[in-house]
Structure formats: C-alpha cells, structure tokens
Amino acid sequence: MELSKFIDKKPFVIAGPCSAESEKQALKIANDIKDNADVFRAGIWKPRTRSNSFEGIGKEALTWMQKVKQKTKLKVSTEVATAKHVELCLESGIDMLWIGARTTVNPFYVQEIAEALSGVDIPVFVKNPIHPELSLWIGALERLNKKGIKNLAAIHRGFFTYESSAFRNEPKWEIPIELKRQLPNLPIICDPSHIAGNKTLIPEISQIAMDLDMNGLMIETHNNPPEALSDSAQQITPVKLKSILENLVLRKKKFEDDILSFELNILRKKIDKLDQNIVETLNLRTELVEEIAQFKLENNLTIFQLERWFEILYKRREQAINLEMDPKMVRDIFELIHKYSILIQSKIMKEK
C-alpha cells in the first residue's frame, strides 16, 4: 500500500468524549484538553446495540465540531458508518474520520465509504473489526487506499470475547503486532478506553501501547464522566488525561551503548537456542501424533478424545502453576498445539 506519513510525533493524542452531547459540553472539553491533545474526537452518530440507547445527536452536532475547531485550533474527528456521514463531514470541514469496529467488519460498508471518499485524501483511521480477523482489518485499509486515501492509520481497540476477562475487549496484542509486520509504514493508534471498558486500566494499557511502539492514543475524555450519555465507565476527565500523558515512559527503540547491545544479544541468543529446542520438540511430537492417528485408524477410533483432552489441559495447567507460570498462557499454547494435532490426524485419516 502507498501511504503518506501524516503522524510525525509520539504519542499522537486523540481525545474527547464518546459522544458530542451539547455545544457547551464539546467546547468545554475541547478547551480543557487543547494543550494535551492533537485532535478532538467526538461521536456524532453512535451505532448502538439496542435501539433505545443514546444513538448520538446527528447532523446538528457537526456545527459544534466546527466551533471547537475555530475556538481551540484543534483538529476535529468523528466516526462515519455510511456514505452520507462522509458527505456531511466533508461539507462541515471535519479534519479526520474514523471507521468503527462494527463497520470494519463489513466490506460492503467499507467500500461505500471508500467510494464516498474517492478523490479526497483526508486522514482516515480504521478500527479493528470486533473479532480478531486480521484480513478484514487489512482489507478495509486496502479498499480505502485503492481509492486514493494515503493518510491512513489503524486503531487498535481490542476484540470481543465470550470468556471472562478484566477487559471490555481483549487486547490480543499479537494482532496489531502482526499488522505492523505486514504493513510497517502504517501508523497504529491504541484505544485504551475501549480495551479497558473502565477508567482504572487506561494508564496501564496506554503504557503497554507505547512499549509496543504504537504511534499514539485515542482516549475518551469527558468533563463529567458519571453523567455521560454513553460509555460513562471508560471515560476520564481532562485532568486525568494530562496525568496519564505526563506519566508515560517513552522508551528507546535501540541502545546507543554498544555494551548494552552486546548484553542484550547474549540473552537473545539464549532465547534462539530455546526456540530451536521447542521447534525440534514440536517436530518429535508431530511424529507421535502421526503414529497415534495411524493407531486410531487401524482400530476405528474417533480422532477427538474428550477425556484425553481434559487430562492434557489439567496436567499442563498444574505444571504451569507449580512453575509459577501464567496458566492461561500455557492453556492458549496447548489449545493451538491441540488444534494442529487434530488437523494432522484428520489429514492422515482422510488420505487413508
């Protein structure tokens, strides 16, 4: 993809309320954050799960965004979900747009937005889809890029999960890391508000995002969070925003000291050796899985053995706890190993 570099500082900060609720509210928040933010954000159209929820003010709020821009000199941004939204935002001089998770998941919606933006190279941020499907995320970016949008960035806002979690949306950091590997010139902004779902986790998530070399943060900021009309639990005050940004530690990408670089390389070589052992062990395990598949085939047994799978999970979990490791990490690893064990056995039985 052909991209332009329009984010040239770290962290690039986008802040403002989940929703624009009134002209007074928008101006108050914008004025309070203008010294700490690069862009003022506010939702105008809110795609809510239930129809009786607050769904945004709509077109009227665009005039409030114009006043924010005039009075504070901040750039302004809002979410678009339809071609009509794009048209109204362009007419109102909105500086930047973002596509939400519910829209990213649907290529038809993204294509309509891309068509509406054809010939207008306005900065566009694309949030990850609700579920961890990297191809959908990249596909949305590609559709926009093919219509001439070069000022593109991704927003990592976490992923829906059915499992019990400390987060509203699981961060699954490996997904944006893989996005960065595939599109190294693409800026990635972290949205700790939607990942956290509550204000207490926002500082920690913001720091992790910086440690992973993300380019910026989108943080929902409200002058009176408890009274917010949407997502009140995950919004912070302008004072808290200032505190979070002041306490961020921005680490270096590389050592300037040759001795420190040498010491780090020694540790990395140890990791490389262990990784080599892991791959060799996985190869030996695969050979055993193939033998098991042949044995099951000869004795007319099903591939998946529920009791055996529960036994593996229990024993590996106990081992992780005894070694003071994270049992969830170990479970996740063995779920992946088990998935490929099933695939290998299925392939062998199918060939026979």
Protein backbone atom coordinates (compact mmCIF):
# COMPACT_ATOMS: atom_id res chain seq x y z
CA MET A 1 0.00 0.00 0.00
CA GLU A 2 1.13 3.54 -0.76
CA LEU A 3 0.95 5.57 2.44
CA SER A 4 1.80 9.13 3.47
CA LYS A 5 3.40 10.00 6.79
CA PHE A 6 0.91 12.31 8.49
CA ILE A 7 1.70 11.34 12.10
CA ASP A 8 5.12 12.67 12.98
CA LYS A 9 5.10 12.69 16.79
CA LYS A 10 4.74 10.15 19.60
CA PRO A 11 2.36 9.88 21.21
CA PHE A 12 -0.14 11.35 18.76
CA VAL A 13 -3.12 12.04 21.03
CA ILE A 14 -6.77 11.95 20.02
CA ALA A 15 -9.09 12.81 22.91
CA GLY A 16 -12.62 13.89 23.59
CA PRO A 17 -15.99 12.49 24.65
CA CYS A 18 -17.51 9.25 23.47
CA SER A 19 -20.42 11.37 22.21
CA ALA A 20 -20.96 15.04 21.46
CA GLU A 21 -23.86 15.77 23.82
CA SER A 22 -24.19 19.54 23.55
CA GLU A 23 -22.32 22.51 22.14
CA LYS A 24 -21.41 23.65 25.65
CA GLN A 25 -20.08 20.21 26.58
CA ALA A 26 -17.99 19.86 23.41
CA LEU A 27 -16.44 23.31 23.78
CA LYS A 28 -15.74 22.82 27.48
CA ILE A 29 -13.91 19.51 26.97
CA ALA A 30 -12.01 20.75 23.92
CA ASN A 31 -10.82 23.83 25.77
CA ASP A 32 -9.69 21.71 28.73
CA ILE A 33 -7.68 19.24 26.59
CA LYS A 34 -6.30 21.57 23.91
CA ASP A 35 -2.83 21.68 25.48
CA ASN A 36 -2.59 17.88 25.70
CA ALA A 37 -4.30 16.61 22.55
CA ASP A 38 -3.59 16.84 18.83
CA VAL A 39 -7.13 16.00 17.74
CA PHE A 40 -10.55 16.45 19.35
CA ARG A 41 -12.77 13.39 18.90
CA ALA A 42 -16.50 13.06 19.48
CA GLY A 43 -19.09 10.60 18.25
CA ILE A 44 -21.97 12.17 16.33
CA TRP A 45 -23.64 9.02 15.06
CA LYS A 46 -23.44 6.18 17.57
CA PRO A 47 -24.10 2.63 16.34
CA ARG A 48 -25.66 1.13 19.48
CA THR A 49 -26.59 -2.49 20.10
CA ARG A 50 -30.06 -1.61 21.42
CA SER A 51 -32.35 0.88 19.67
CA ASN A 52 -33.41 2.53 22.92
CA SER A 53 -29.83 3.57 23.71
CA PHE A 54 -28.46 7.06 23.01
CA GLU A 55 -27.52 7.00 19.33
CA GLY A 56 -25.88 10.40 19.04
CA ILE A 57 -27.12 13.87 18.19
CA GLY A 58 -26.51 13.50 14.49
CA LYS A 59 -26.03 16.22 11.86
CA GLU A 60 -26.68 19.09 14.30
CA ALA A 61 -23.50 18.25 16.24
CA LEU A 62 -21.34 18.97 13.18
CA THR A 63 -21.78 22.69 13.83
CA TRP A 64 -20.44 22.16 17.35
CA MET A 65 -17.36 20.48 15.89
CA GLN A 66 -16.86 23.48 13.63
CA LYS A 67 -16.93 25.78 16.66
CA VAL A 68 -14.46 23.56 18.52
CA LYS A 69 -12.13 23.83 15.56
CA GLN A 70 -12.49 27.62 15.33
CA LYS A 71 -12.14 28.38 19.04
CA THR A 72 -9.43 25.90 20.08
CA LYS A 73 -7.50 25.40 16.80
CA LEU A 74 -7.65 21.66 17.43
CA LYS A 75 -8.27 19.37 14.51
CA VAL A 76 -11.59 17.54 14.83
CA SER A 77 -12.56 13.95 14.10
CA THR A 78 -15.65 11.77 14.21
CA GLU A 79 -16.84 8.29 13.25
CA VAL A 80 -18.53 7.60 9.93
CA ALA A 81 -20.54 4.50 9.10
CA THR A 82 -22.24 5.46 5.82
CA ALA A 83 -21.51 7.38 2.63
CA LYS A 84 -23.99 10.03 3.81
CA HIS A 85 -21.99 10.53 7.01
CA VAL A 86 -18.88 11.08 4.88
CA GLU A 87 -20.66 13.63 2.69
CA LEU A 88 -21.91 15.63 5.70
CA CYS A 89 -18.48 15.57 7.39
CA LEU A 90 -16.69 16.77 4.28
CA GLU A 91 -19.21 19.61 3.87
CA SER A 92 -18.62 20.61 7.52
CA GLY A 93 -14.82 20.63 7.31
CA ILE A 94 -14.17 17.70 9.64
CA ASP A 95 -10.40 17.14 9.54
CA MET A 96 -10.18 13.40 10.16
CA LEU A 97 -12.56 10.44 10.11
CA TRP A 98 -12.56 7.04 11.70
CA ILE A 99 -14.35 3.83 10.79
CA GLY A 100 -15.66 1.89 13.77
CA ALA A 101 -15.30 -1.80 14.57
CA ARG A 102 -18.88 -2.61 13.59
CA THR A 103 -18.31 -1.06 10.16
CA THR A 104 -14.84 -2.52 9.52
CA VAL A 105 -16.34 -5.99 9.81
CA ASN A 106 -18.50 -5.43 6.69
CA PRO A 107 -16.63 -4.99 3.37
CA PHE A 108 -19.78 -3.60 1.71
CA TYR A 109 -19.98 -0.71 4.21
CA VAL A 110 -16.26 0.00 3.90
CA GLN A 111 -16.47 0.02 0.11
CA GLU A 112 -19.33 2.55 0.20
CA ILE A 113 -17.29 4.82 2.47
CA ALA A 114 -14.23 4.40 0.23
CA GLU A 115 -16.31 5.37 -2.81
CA ALA A 116 -17.60 8.47 -1.00
CA LEU A 117 -14.01 9.47 -0.18
CA SER A 118 -12.71 8.92 -3.71
CA GLY A 119 -10.53 11.87 -4.68
CA VAL A 120 -10.44 13.34 -1.14
CA ASP A 121 -7.24 12.41 0.69
CA ILE A 122 -8.49 13.15 4.21
CA PRO A 123 -6.83 11.22 7.08
CA VAL A 124 -8.85 8.11 7.89
CA PHE A 125 -8.40 5.84 10.91
CA VAL A 126 -9.69 2.27 10.72
CA LYS A 127 -10.58 0.44 13.93
CA ASN A 128 -10.02 -3.30 14.10
CA PRO A 129 -13.07 -5.50 13.47
CA ILE A 130 -14.92 -6.78 16.52
CA HIS A 131 -13.45 -10.27 16.18
CA PRO A 132 -9.71 -10.94 15.64
CA GLU A 133 -9.73 -11.25 11.85
CA LEU A 134 -6.60 -9.52 10.59
CA SER A 135 -7.57 -9.99 6.94
CA LEU A 136 -10.75 -7.92 7.46
CA TRP A 137 -8.73 -5.15 9.06
CA ILE A 138 -6.17 -5.10 6.25
CA GLY A 139 -8.93 -5.43 3.66
CA ALA A 140 -10.65 -2.29 4.93
CA LEU A 141 -7.38 -0.35 4.75
CA GLU A 142 -6.74 -1.64 1.23
CA ARG A 143 -10.19 -0.59 -0.01
CA LEU A 144 -9.57 2.97 1.17
CA ASN A 145 -6.04 3.05 -0.18
CA LYS A 146 -7.23 1.93 -3.63
CA LYS A 147 -9.49 4.98 -3.73
CA GLY A 148 -6.53 7.29 -3.18
CA ILE A 149 -6.53 7.61 0.60
CA LYS A 150 -2.86 7.66 1.58
CA ASN A 151 -3.21 9.25 5.03
CA LEU A 152 -4.27 6.03 6.71
CA ALA A 153 -3.84 4.75 10.24
CA ALA A 154 -5.17 1.80 12.21
CA ILE A 155 -6.83 1.97 15.63
CA HIS A 156 -6.41 -0.99 17.96
CA ARG A 157 -9.46 -1.11 20.24
CA GLY A 158 -9.38 -4.75 21.29
CA PHE A 159 -11.55 -7.74 20.42
CA PHE A 160 -14.82 -9.14 21.72
CA THR A 161 -14.51 -12.29 23.78
CA TYR A 162 -17.00 -14.68 25.34
CA GLU A 163 -14.52 -15.54 28.08
CA SER A 164 -14.37 -13.83 31.45
CA SER A 165 -11.82 -11.02 31.22
CA ALA A 166 -10.52 -7.98 33.05
CA PHE A 167 -11.02 -6.10 29.78
CA ARG A 168 -14.11 -4.98 27.93
CA ASN A 169 -12.32 -6.04 24.74
CA GLU A 170 -9.31 -8.38 24.86
CA PRO A 171 -6.21 -6.54 23.61
CA LYS A 172 -4.70 -9.57 21.84
CA TRP A 173 -1.55 -7.53 21.23
CA GLU A 174 -0.25 -10.12 18.78
CA ILE A 175 -2.84 -8.96 16.20
CA PRO A 176 -1.67 -5.32 15.88
CA ILE A 177 1.93 -6.56 16.07
CA GLU A 178 1.28 -8.79 13.06
CA LEU A 179 -0.46 -5.87 11.31
CA LYS A 180 2.70 -3.80 11.87
CA ARG A 181 4.83 -6.62 10.47
CA GLN A 182 2.75 -6.79 7.30
CA LEU A 183 2.33 -3.00 6.93
CA PRO A 184 5.42 -1.48 8.59
CA ASN A 185 4.68 2.07 7.37
CA LEU A 186 1.15 2.11 8.77
CA PRO A 187 0.70 4.15 11.98
CA ILE A 188 -1.18 2.32 14.74
CA ILE A 189 -3.11 4.19 17.41
CA CYS A 190 -4.23 2.39 20.57
CA ASP A 191 -7.71 2.97 22.01
CA PRO A 192 -7.24 2.04 25.70
CA SER A 193 -10.76 3.25 26.54
CA HIS A 194 -12.48 0.51 24.55
CA ILE A 195 -9.95 -2.13 25.51
CA ALA A 196 -10.36 -1.35 29.21
CA GLY A 197 -14.06 -0.61 29.46
CA ASN A 198 -13.25 1.17 32.70
CA LYS A 199 -11.05 4.12 33.56
CA THR A 200 -8.79 2.30 36.03
CA LEU A 201 -6.98 0.24 33.38
CA ILE A 202 -6.39 3.09 30.92
CA PRO A 203 -2.96 4.19 32.27
CA GLU A 204 -1.59 0.63 32.18
CA ILE A 205 -2.89 -0.09 28.67
CA SER A 206 -1.57 3.26 27.41
CA GLN A 207 1.91 2.41 28.68
CA ILE A 208 1.84 -1.05 27.11
CA ALA A 209 0.87 0.55 23.78
CA MET A 210 3.88 2.86 23.99
CA ASP A 211 6.16 -0.03 24.95
CA LEU A 212 4.94 -1.86 21.84
CA ASP A 213 5.94 1.19 19.79
CA MET A 214 2.45 2.24 18.79
CA ASN A 215 2.20 5.75 17.42
CA GLY A 216 -0.46 7.25 19.61
CA LEU A 217 -3.54 7.01 21.80
CA MET A 218 -7.25 7.66 21.40
CA ILE A 219 -8.65 8.26 24.88
CA GLU A 220 -12.26 9.08 25.64
CA THR A 221 -12.32 12.19 27.81
CA HIS A 222 -15.38 13.83 29.39
CA ASN A 223 -15.83 16.79 31.72
CA ASN A 224 -18.29 14.79 33.86
CA PRO A 225 -17.87 11.05 33.13
CA PRO A 226 -20.55 9.75 35.54
CA GLU A 227 -23.18 11.79 33.67
CA ALA A 228 -22.01 10.85 30.16
CA LEU A 229 -24.80 9.66 27.86
CA SER A 230 -22.71 6.76 26.53
CA ASP A 231 -19.83 4.64 27.86
CA SER A 232 -19.53 6.59 31.09
CA ALA A 233 -17.40 3.93 32.83
CA GLN A 234 -14.50 4.19 30.36
CA GLN A 235 -14.24 7.98 30.10
CA ILE A 236 -11.74 10.03 32.10
CA THR A 237 -11.52 13.71 32.99
CA PRO A 238 -9.20 16.18 31.22
CA VAL A 239 -7.14 16.34 34.43
CA LYS A 240 -6.66 12.56 34.39
CA LEU A 241 -5.75 12.68 30.69
CA LYS A 242 -3.00 15.18 31.46
CA SER A 243 -1.72 12.98 34.29
CA ILE A 244 -1.65 9.83 32.14
CA LEU A 245 0.26 11.56 29.34
CA GLU A 246 2.76 13.14 31.74
CA ASN A 247 3.50 9.78 33.33
CA LEU A 248 4.01 7.83 30.12
CA VAL A 249 7.51 6.42 29.72
CA LEU A 250 8.67 6.65 26.10
CA ARG A 251 11.39 4.07 25.68
CA LYS A 252 14.12 3.94 23.05
CA LYS A 253 13.92 1.51 20.13
CA LYS A 254 17.65 0.74 20.23
CA PHE A 255 20.57 1.01 22.63
CA GLU A 256 23.12 3.71 21.95
CA ASP A 257 25.57 1.92 24.25
CA ASP A 258 27.44 -0.93 22.48
CA ILE A 259 28.00 -2.81 25.75
CA LEU A 260 24.27 -2.88 26.50
CA SER A 261 23.54 -4.01 22.93
CA PHE A 262 26.08 -6.81 23.36
CA GLU A 263 24.46 -7.94 26.63
CA LEU A 264 21.01 -7.94 25.03
CA ASN A 265 22.28 -10.01 22.11
CA ILE A 266 23.65 -12.63 24.51
CA LEU A 267 20.18 -13.01 26.04
CA ARG A 268 18.59 -13.15 22.60
CA LYS A 269 20.94 -15.95 21.56
CA LYS A 270 19.79 -17.92 24.60
CA ILE A 271 16.19 -17.36 23.50
CA ASP A 272 17.11 -18.51 19.97
CA LYS A 273 18.57 -21.72 21.36
CA LEU A 274 15.45 -22.43 23.43
CA ASP A 275 13.23 -21.67 20.44
CA GLN A 276 15.25 -24.11 18.36
CA ASN A 277 14.67 -26.76 21.04
CA ILE A 278 10.95 -26.00 21.07
CA VAL A 279 10.68 -26.44 17.29
CA GLU A 280 12.62 -29.71 17.43
CA THR A 281 10.37 -30.94 20.26
CA LEU A 282 7.27 -29.98 18.29
CA ASN A 283 8.61 -31.98 15.37
CA LEU A 284 9.05 -35.06 17.61
CA ARG A 285 5.54 -34.51 18.99
CA THR A 286 4.13 -34.31 15.45
CA GLU A 287 5.72 -37.66 14.60
CA LEU A 288 3.99 -39.18 17.64
CA VAL A 289 0.68 -37.59 16.65
CA GLU A 290 1.02 -39.25 13.24
CA GLU A 291 1.62 -42.63 14.91
CA ILE A 292 -1.45 -42.09 17.11
CA ALA A 293 -3.53 -41.22 14.03
CA GLN A 294 -2.45 -44.47 12.35
CA PHE A 295 -3.28 -46.44 15.51
CA LYS A 296 -6.76 -44.84 15.73
CA LEU A 297 -7.36 -45.55 12.06
CA GLU A 298 -6.44 -49.22 12.41
CA ASN A 299 -8.67 -49.60 15.48
CA ASN A 300 -11.58 -47.49 14.22
CA LEU A 301 -11.32 -44.82 16.94
CA THR A 302 -12.50 -41.21 16.71
CA ILE A 303 -9.87 -38.52 16.32
CA PHE A 304 -11.06 -36.35 19.18
CA GLN A 305 -10.92 -37.98 22.60
CA LEU A 306 -12.61 -35.64 25.11
CA GLU A 307 -11.31 -37.25 28.30
CA ARG A 308 -7.74 -37.25 26.98
CA TRP A 309 -8.02 -33.57 26.05
CA PHE A 310 -9.27 -32.69 29.56
CA GLU A 311 -6.41 -34.70 31.03
CA ILE A 312 -3.86 -32.75 28.94
CA LEU A 313 -5.35 -29.40 29.95
CA TYR A 314 -5.41 -30.34 33.64
CA LYS A 315 -1.84 -31.67 33.76
CA ARG A 316 -0.34 -28.77 31.79
CA ARG A 317 -2.21 -26.27 33.97
CA GLU A 318 -0.93 -27.89 37.16
CA GLN A 319 2.60 -27.89 35.78
CA ALA A 320 2.31 -24.20 34.90
CA ILE A 321 1.09 -23.35 38.41
CA ASN A 322 3.92 -25.35 40.00
CA LEU A 323 6.43 -23.45 37.86
CA GLU A 324 4.71 -20.14 38.74
CA MET A 325 3.83 -19.57 35.10
CA ASP A 326 0.64 -17.99 33.77
CA PRO A 327 -1.75 -20.97 33.37
CA LYS A 328 -3.80 -19.09 30.76
CA MET A 329 -0.73 -18.61 28.60
CA VAL A 330 0.06 -22.34 28.82
CA ARG A 331 -3.57 -23.23 28.04
CA ASP A 332 -3.57 -20.95 24.99
CA ILE A 333 -0.38 -22.57 23.70
CA PHE A 334 -1.68 -26.11 24.14
CA GLU A 335 -5.03 -25.25 22.58
CA LEU A 336 -3.09 -24.22 19.47
CA ILE A 337 -0.93 -27.35 19.58
CA HIS A 338 -4.04 -29.49 20.01
CA LYS A 339 -5.75 -27.75 17.08
CA TYR A 340 -2.90 -28.74 14.77
CA SER A 341 -2.77 -32.24 16.23
CA ILE A 342 -6.42 -32.68 15.24
CA LEU A 343 -5.72 -31.30 11.76
CA ILE A 344 -2.77 -33.66 11.26
CA GLN A 345 -4.81 -36.67 12.34
CA SER A 346 -7.73 -35.63 10.14
CA LYS A 347 -5.47 -35.33 7.12
CA ILE A 348 -3.97 -38.79 7.68
CA MET A 349 -7.37 -40.44 8.11
CA LYS A 350 -8.73 -38.65 5.05
CA GLU A 351 -5.80 -39.84 2.90
CA LYS A 352 -6.35 -43.43 4.02
